[in-house]
Amino acid sequence: MIDENVVQHNIEQMAGVAAHNGVRLRPHIKTHKIPEIALRQLAAGAEGITAAKVGEAEIMAEHGVKDIFIAYPVISPSKIKRIIALSHQIHVIVGVESMEGAENLSREAVAAGVTLSVRLEIDTGLARTGISPDRALQLAQNIAALPGLDLSGIFTFKGAVYQGSGTLDLEAAGQEEGRIMVATAEKLRAAGIDIRDVSVGSTPTAPYAAAVEGVTEIRPGTYIFYDRMLAVMGACSKEDWAAKVLVTIVSVPAEDRLVVDGGSKTFATDVQPGQPPLHLKGFGEIVELPDAVFEKMNEEHGMIRTSGPHGLHVGDVLSIVPNHICPTVNLHNEVYVTKEGVIRAVPVLARGKLA
């Protein structure tokens, strides 16, 4: 269930963050995967959108989005050919983080007679994809020399990481992210590389990274709905939660236990309980039973434990805010958007796009 009024509030709030700091907003659609919501973000001032998969970009372009950054290393020739086809319809930017990937992009672009806009991914501490700042110059120079490519900028995703470790100090994490990226951009420019875009990401750090002079763009995604993880981080309040999963109690095996019809095929399990720095209890917050623990799941069963007699019955409905909303939405074919008592089904058109 999606509260349309809360979604609109969240859209306007993040657009205000970008405008206040004089940076562009390019939200990541990984959270909602719904063209209707992407178009709302654009109408509120977003420059374009960000996607992770070519398939997501194709769906968004089909529904009227004209500027898309695929913030992921696209390696295979078949996917690159699809990007080139897309580039004839809209403005596309592609992430790159290796010479092998850049050479593949260059080869296909030259064969098609086009120039692809690319951004170099920088690893600012998450230790995922991206080149380290101290090795970025050589790779950037090599990419800039390739035919068929326009190295327009650099980008990163760091999230709530500070000095290489998870943190709840979002301001420190965001400022570090911004400083590393601006310093890297200045180093590349000093070597003659025309870096126009310095793009940073993540909902929890965006307000702080955006304030660093020299950052030009933010790419938050989860802010559209927010979730339990971000509330515990301090990135939002519970009033900002726009998405809840409705479940039905199917069994009451004890006065302090419930079983609901939502398991790992309904809720994402990537953000596990008990892990630092959040130390979450369970897999989500039960709105009606905030002190209960959603302690474990099988595929079709969710097991909830309460601190005492709960007084609930088989057939009762509960609403749960998951730890991580993005992969949770991706498990559902449609969502139900509510506004002033009216409920309408909206298909999650870009879900399941693995390529």
Protein backbone atom coordinates (compact mmCIF):
# COMPACT_ATOMS: atom_id res chain seq x y z
CA MET A 1 0.00 0.00 0.00
CA ILE A 2 1.40 3.37 -1.11
CA ASP A 3 0.20 6.65 0.40
CA GLU A 4 0.14 9.09 -2.51
CA ASN A 5 0.15 12.19 -0.31
CA VAL A 6 3.27 11.04 1.56
CA VAL A 7 4.97 10.20 -1.75
CA GLN A 8 4.30 13.71 -3.02
CA HIS A 9 5.63 15.20 0.21
CA ASN A 10 8.82 13.13 -0.09
CA ILE A 11 9.26 14.15 -3.74
CA GLU A 12 8.94 17.84 -2.93
CA GLN A 13 11.20 17.59 0.12
CA MET A 14 14.13 16.10 -1.82
CA ALA A 15 13.59 18.46 -4.74
CA GLY A 16 13.90 21.25 -2.19
CA VAL A 17 17.20 19.83 -0.91
CA ALA A 18 18.61 19.87 -4.43
CA ALA A 19 17.34 23.37 -5.20
CA HIS A 20 18.61 24.77 -1.90
CA ASN A 21 22.12 23.47 -2.63
CA GLY A 22 22.12 24.41 -6.31
CA VAL A 23 22.63 20.84 -7.54
CA ARG A 24 20.73 18.71 -10.03
CA LEU A 25 18.48 15.91 -8.80
CA ARG A 26 18.57 12.62 -10.69
CA PRO A 27 16.60 10.15 -8.51
CA HIS A 28 17.26 6.44 -8.73
CA ILE A 29 14.10 4.57 -9.74
CA LYS A 30 15.33 1.29 -8.21
CA THR A 31 12.99 1.88 -5.28
CA HIS A 32 9.66 2.28 -7.07
CA LYS A 33 10.29 1.05 -10.67
CA ILE A 34 7.07 2.82 -11.68
CA PRO A 35 7.03 5.27 -14.63
CA GLU A 36 4.15 7.26 -13.16
CA ILE A 37 6.23 8.08 -10.08
CA ALA A 38 9.34 8.86 -12.15
CA LEU A 39 7.32 11.39 -14.15
CA ARG A 40 6.14 12.97 -10.89
CA GLN A 41 9.75 13.35 -9.78
CA LEU A 42 10.61 15.02 -13.09
CA ALA A 43 7.62 17.33 -12.83
CA ALA A 44 8.87 18.43 -9.40
CA GLY A 45 12.25 19.48 -10.81
CA ALA A 46 14.40 16.36 -11.30
CA GLU A 47 16.85 16.69 -14.21
CA GLY A 48 16.49 13.06 -15.23
CA ILE A 49 16.48 9.66 -13.56
CA THR A 50 18.95 6.96 -12.63
CA ALA A 51 18.51 3.24 -13.34
CA ALA A 52 20.63 0.16 -12.74
CA LYS A 53 19.48 -2.01 -15.62
CA VAL A 54 19.08 -1.42 -19.35
CA GLY A 55 15.64 -3.01 -19.10
CA GLU A 56 14.58 -0.47 -16.48
CA ALA A 57 15.78 2.36 -18.72
CA GLU A 58 13.86 0.95 -21.69
CA ILE A 59 10.61 0.83 -19.71
CA MET A 60 11.08 4.38 -18.43
CA ALA A 61 11.89 5.71 -21.91
CA GLU A 62 8.84 3.95 -23.33
CA HIS A 63 6.70 5.93 -20.89
CA GLY A 64 8.14 9.35 -21.60
CA VAL A 65 11.36 9.75 -19.59
CA LYS A 66 13.92 11.50 -21.81
CA ASP A 67 17.13 11.58 -19.74
CA ILE A 68 18.45 8.43 -18.05
CA PHE A 69 21.74 7.58 -16.37
CA ILE A 70 22.47 3.84 -16.16
CA ALA A 71 24.68 3.89 -13.06
CA TYR A 72 26.10 0.43 -13.51
CA PRO A 73 28.99 -1.04 -15.53
CA VAL A 74 27.45 -2.34 -18.76
CA ILE A 75 29.81 -4.94 -20.19
CA SER A 76 28.09 -7.27 -22.66
CA PRO A 77 27.81 -6.25 -26.34
CA SER A 78 24.12 -7.24 -26.45
CA LYS A 79 23.24 -4.75 -23.70
CA ILE A 80 25.44 -2.05 -25.22
CA LYS A 81 23.59 -2.43 -28.53
CA ARG A 82 20.32 -1.85 -26.65
CA ILE A 83 21.79 1.29 -25.06
CA ILE A 84 22.82 2.55 -28.48
CA ALA A 85 19.28 1.96 -29.76
CA LEU A 86 17.97 3.86 -26.74
CA SER A 87 20.39 6.73 -27.39
CA HIS A 88 18.61 7.43 -30.69
CA GLN A 89 15.43 8.18 -28.72
CA ILE A 90 16.60 9.85 -25.49
CA HIS A 91 19.70 11.15 -23.73
CA VAL A 92 21.53 8.21 -22.12
CA ILE A 93 24.57 8.23 -19.88
CA VAL A 94 26.36 4.99 -18.96
CA GLY A 95 28.53 4.09 -16.00
CA VAL A 96 32.00 2.64 -16.57
CA GLU A 97 34.64 1.51 -14.08
CA SER A 98 37.13 -0.61 -16.03
CA MET A 99 39.14 -0.39 -19.23
CA GLU A 100 37.56 -3.61 -20.45
CA GLY A 101 34.10 -2.15 -20.09
CA ALA A 102 35.11 1.13 -21.71
CA GLU A 103 36.66 -0.66 -24.68
CA ASN A 104 33.47 -2.67 -25.21
CA LEU A 105 31.41 0.52 -25.15
CA SER A 106 33.83 2.24 -27.52
CA ARG A 107 33.87 -0.65 -29.99
CA GLU A 108 30.08 -0.83 -30.25
CA ALA A 109 29.69 2.96 -30.40
CA VAL A 110 32.19 3.29 -33.24
CA ALA A 111 30.52 0.45 -35.14
CA ALA A 112 27.16 2.19 -34.78
CA GLY A 113 28.53 5.62 -35.64
CA VAL A 114 27.48 7.23 -32.35
CA THR A 115 29.11 8.85 -29.34
CA LEU A 116 28.08 7.55 -25.93
CA SER A 117 28.21 9.73 -22.85
CA VAL A 118 29.91 7.90 -19.96
CA ARG A 119 30.75 8.59 -16.34
CA LEU A 120 33.60 6.98 -14.43
CA GLU A 121 32.60 5.31 -11.17
CA ILE A 122 34.73 6.17 -8.13
CA ASP A 123 34.85 3.96 -5.03
CA THR A 124 34.54 6.39 -2.11
CA GLY A 125 34.46 3.74 0.61
CA LEU A 126 31.68 1.21 0.00
CA ALA A 127 34.17 -1.23 -1.59
CA ARG A 128 31.76 -2.30 -4.31
CA THR A 129 32.31 -1.31 -7.95
CA GLY A 130 34.37 1.72 -8.86
CA ILE A 131 38.02 2.68 -9.20
CA SER A 132 39.81 4.05 -6.14
CA PRO A 133 40.48 7.82 -6.26
CA ASP A 134 44.24 7.33 -6.33
CA ARG A 135 43.97 5.18 -9.48
CA ALA A 136 41.28 7.19 -11.24
CA LEU A 137 43.51 9.53 -13.26
CA GLN A 138 45.18 6.89 -15.41
CA LEU A 139 41.92 5.10 -16.14
CA ALA A 140 40.15 8.37 -16.90
CA GLN A 141 42.89 9.38 -19.34
CA ASN A 142 42.66 6.03 -21.11
CA ILE A 143 38.86 6.22 -21.35
CA ALA A 144 38.94 9.83 -22.58
CA ALA A 145 41.25 8.75 -25.42
CA LEU A 146 38.84 6.10 -26.72
CA PRO A 147 36.79 6.90 -29.83
CA GLY A 148 33.03 6.94 -29.58
CA LEU A 149 32.97 7.92 -25.89
CA ASP A 150 32.48 11.25 -24.15
CA LEU A 151 33.74 11.08 -20.56
CA SER A 152 31.41 13.67 -19.10
CA GLY A 153 31.79 13.09 -15.39
CA ILE A 154 32.38 10.91 -12.36
CA PHE A 155 29.90 9.28 -9.98
CA THR A 156 29.84 7.30 -6.76
CA PHE A 157 27.60 5.50 -4.32
CA LYS A 158 28.85 5.34 -0.75
CA GLY A 159 25.80 5.37 1.48
CA ALA A 160 26.20 5.56 5.26
CA VAL A 161 29.91 4.72 5.30
CA TYR A 162 32.58 6.86 6.94
CA GLN A 163 36.29 6.07 6.76
CA GLY A 164 35.46 2.64 5.39
CA SER A 165 32.95 1.54 8.06
CA GLY A 166 29.20 1.77 8.49
CA THR A 167 28.11 4.78 10.49
CA LEU A 168 25.06 6.59 11.82
CA ASP A 169 26.83 9.94 11.43
CA LEU A 170 25.20 10.77 8.11
CA GLU A 171 26.64 14.27 7.96
CA ALA A 172 30.21 13.02 8.27
CA ALA A 173 29.58 10.30 5.68
CA GLY A 174 28.01 12.73 3.22
CA GLN A 175 30.67 15.38 3.61
CA GLU A 176 33.42 12.80 3.15
CA GLU A 177 31.69 11.52 0.00
CA GLY A 178 31.44 15.01 -1.45
CA ARG A 179 35.00 15.99 -0.60
CA ILE A 180 36.50 12.84 -2.12
CA MET A 181 34.54 13.31 -5.33
CA VAL A 182 35.32 17.01 -5.72
CA ALA A 183 39.02 16.40 -5.09
CA THR A 184 39.02 13.60 -7.66
CA ALA A 185 37.26 15.79 -10.23
CA GLU A 186 39.77 18.60 -9.69
CA LYS A 187 42.64 16.17 -10.15
CA LEU A 188 41.22 14.96 -13.46
CA ARG A 189 40.51 18.49 -14.68
CA ALA A 190 44.07 19.53 -13.84
CA ALA A 191 45.22 16.78 -16.21
CA GLY A 192 43.08 18.19 -19.01
CA ILE A 193 40.01 15.94 -18.68
CA ASP A 194 36.75 17.85 -19.03
CA ILE A 195 34.77 16.65 -16.01
CA ARG A 196 31.39 18.43 -16.04
CA ASP A 197 29.39 16.18 -13.71
CA VAL A 198 30.25 15.24 -10.12
CA SER A 199 27.41 12.93 -9.14
CA VAL A 200 26.89 11.52 -5.65
CA GLY A 201 24.18 9.31 -4.29
CA SER A 202 22.14 7.78 -1.49
CA THR A 203 19.14 9.06 0.41
CA PRO A 204 20.81 9.28 3.85
CA THR A 205 23.86 11.24 2.67
CA ALA A 206 22.39 13.34 -0.16
CA PRO A 207 21.55 16.46 1.90
CA TYR A 208 25.11 16.62 3.26
CA ALA A 209 27.02 15.63 0.12
CA ALA A 210 24.96 18.15 -1.87
CA ALA A 211 26.25 20.94 0.37
CA VAL A 212 29.89 20.30 -0.61
CA GLU A 213 30.96 22.93 -3.12
CA GLY A 214 31.76 21.32 -6.45
CA VAL A 215 29.17 18.54 -6.28
CA THR A 216 26.78 18.98 -9.22
CA GLU A 217 24.22 16.18 -8.81
CA ILE A 218 22.58 13.90 -6.23
CA ARG A 219 20.97 10.51 -6.97
CA PRO A 220 18.89 9.42 -3.95
CA GLY A 221 16.31 6.70 -4.49
CA THR A 222 14.80 5.30 -1.31
CA TYR A 223 13.47 8.71 -0.22
CA ILE A 224 10.40 8.21 -2.39
CA PHE A 225 8.99 5.70 0.14
CA TYR A 226 11.61 5.54 2.92
CA ASP A 227 11.78 2.43 5.12
CA ARG A 228 12.61 1.15 8.57
CA MET A 229 16.35 1.13 7.96
CA LEU A 230 16.39 4.83 7.07
CA ALA A 231 14.23 5.72 10.05
CA VAL A 232 16.68 3.99 12.40
CA MET A 233 19.53 5.83 10.66
CA GLY A 234 17.79 9.11 11.36
CA ALA A 235 17.30 9.93 7.68
CA CYS A 236 13.52 10.17 8.04
CA SER A 237 10.68 10.02 10.53
CA LYS A 238 7.96 7.40 10.64
CA GLU A 239 5.59 10.01 9.19
CA ASP A 240 7.69 9.87 6.00
CA TRP A 241 6.98 6.15 5.47
CA ALA A 242 4.89 5.98 2.29
CA ALA A 243 4.89 2.21 1.75
CA LYS A 244 3.59 -0.58 3.96
CA VAL A 245 3.02 -4.25 3.22
CA LEU A 246 -0.36 -5.55 4.33
CA VAL A 247 -0.35 -9.11 5.68
CA THR A 248 -3.06 -11.37 7.09
CA ILE A 249 -2.68 -13.49 10.21
CA VAL A 250 -3.06 -17.12 9.13
CA SER A 251 -2.16 -18.81 12.41
CA VAL A 252 -2.06 -18.00 16.13
CA PRO A 253 0.03 -20.83 17.60
CA ALA A 254 0.50 -19.12 20.99
CA GLU A 255 -0.61 -16.00 22.83
CA ASP A 256 2.76 -14.42 22.12
CA ARG A 257 3.21 -15.65 18.53
CA LEU A 258 1.60 -14.94 15.16
CA VAL A 259 2.14 -16.30 11.67
CA VAL A 260 1.31 -14.07 8.70
CA ASP A 261 1.05 -14.76 4.97
CA GLY A 262 4.19 -12.76 4.10
CA GLY A 263 7.55 -14.48 3.94
CA SER A 264 10.71 -14.14 1.88
CA LYS A 265 8.68 -14.02 -1.34
CA THR A 266 7.00 -10.87 0.03
CA PHE A 267 9.73 -9.13 2.05
CA ALA A 268 13.36 -8.51 1.14
CA THR A 269 15.90 -10.21 3.37
CA ASP A 270 19.09 -8.38 2.34
CA VAL A 271 19.12 -6.13 5.42
CA GLN A 272 19.48 -8.68 8.17
CA PRO A 273 18.60 -8.10 11.84
CA GLY A 274 21.34 -7.53 14.39
CA GLN A 275 24.01 -6.22 12.04
CA PRO A 276 26.03 -3.10 12.93
CA PRO A 277 25.63 -0.18 12.92
CA LEU A 278 21.80 -0.41 12.91
CA HIS A 279 21.28 -3.53 15.07
CA LEU A 280 17.72 -3.90 13.78
CA LYS A 281 15.35 -6.22 15.61
CA GLY A 282 13.59 -8.37 13.07
CA PHE A 283 12.77 -7.84 9.40
CA GLY A 284 10.41 -4.88 9.70
CA GLU A 285 8.24 -2.83 12.01
CA ILE A 286 4.66 -3.94 12.59
CA VAL A 287 2.77 -0.65 12.69
CA GLU A 288 0.01 -1.98 14.95
CA LEU A 289 2.50 -3.81 17.22
CA PRO A 290 5.65 -1.65 17.30
CA ASP A 291 7.17 -3.65 20.16
CA ALA A 292 6.68 -7.01 18.44
CA VAL A 293 9.54 -8.65 16.53
CA PHE A 294 9.17 -9.95 12.99
CA GLU A 295 11.77 -12.53 13.87
CA LYS A 296 11.97 -15.00 10.98
CA MET A 297 10.61 -16.01 7.61
CA ASN A 298 10.18 -18.98 5.33
CA GLU A 299 9.10 -18.52 1.73
CA GLU A 300 5.40 -18.09 2.51
CA HIS A 301 5.34 -17.64 6.29
CA GLY A 302 6.32 -14.72 8.50
CA MET A 303 6.74 -15.40 12.21
CA ILE A 304 6.09 -12.59 14.68
CA ARG A 305 6.71 -12.72 18.43
CA THR A 306 5.12 -10.33 20.91
CA SER A 307 6.25 -9.50 24.44
CA GLY A 308 2.95 -10.69 25.89
CA PRO A 309 -0.60 -11.69 24.94
CA HIS A 310 -1.46 -9.93 21.67
CA GLY A 311 -5.22 -10.52 21.55
CA LEU A 312 -5.25 -10.90 17.77
CA HIS A 313 -7.01 -13.54 15.70
CA VAL A 314 -6.72 -15.47 12.47
CA GLY A 315 -7.92 -13.18 9.67
CA ASP A 316 -6.75 -9.92 11.27
CA VAL A 317 -4.69 -7.67 8.99
CA LEU A 318 -1.38 -6.03 9.96
CA SER A 319 0.78 -3.49 8.13
CA ILE A 320 4.55 -3.88 8.12
CA VAL A 321 7.26 -1.42 7.06
CA PRO A 322 10.15 -3.56 5.78
CA ASN A 323 13.77 -3.00 6.68
CA HIS A 324 14.57 -2.31 3.01
CA ILE A 325 11.77 -1.18 0.72
CA CYS A 326 13.62 -1.25 -2.64
CA PRO A 327 14.01 -5.03 -3.13
CA THR A 328 10.66 -5.54 -1.39
CA VAL A 329 8.83 -3.57 -4.10
CA ASN A 330 10.67 -5.60 -6.74
CA LEU A 331 8.95 -8.76 -5.43
CA HIS A 332 5.48 -7.42 -6.27
CA ASN A 333 3.75 -7.14 -9.65
CA GLU A 334 1.65 -4.20 -8.52
CA VAL A 335 1.19 -1.78 -5.67
CA TYR A 336 -1.99 -0.19 -4.38
CA VAL A 337 -1.88 3.60 -4.27
CA THR A 338 -4.23 5.30 -1.81
CA LYS A 339 -5.42 8.90 -1.68
CA GLU A 340 -8.38 10.28 0.24
CA GLY A 341 -9.85 6.80 0.60
CA VAL A 342 -9.57 5.90 -3.09
CA ILE A 343 -7.42 2.86 -3.86
CA ARG A 344 -6.03 2.06 -7.30
CA ALA A 345 -3.74 -0.68 -8.53
CA VAL A 346 -0.54 0.47 -10.24
CA PRO A 347 1.73 -2.05 -12.01
CA VAL A 348 5.41 -2.11 -11.09
CA LEU A 349 6.39 -2.09 -14.77
CA ALA A 350 10.17 -2.17 -14.36
CA ARG A 351 10.29 -4.92 -11.72
CA GLY A 352 12.30 -8.04 -12.45
CA LYS A 353 14.40 -6.39 -15.18
CA LEU A 354 17.56 -8.38 -14.68
CA ALA A 355 19.23 -7.29 -17.93
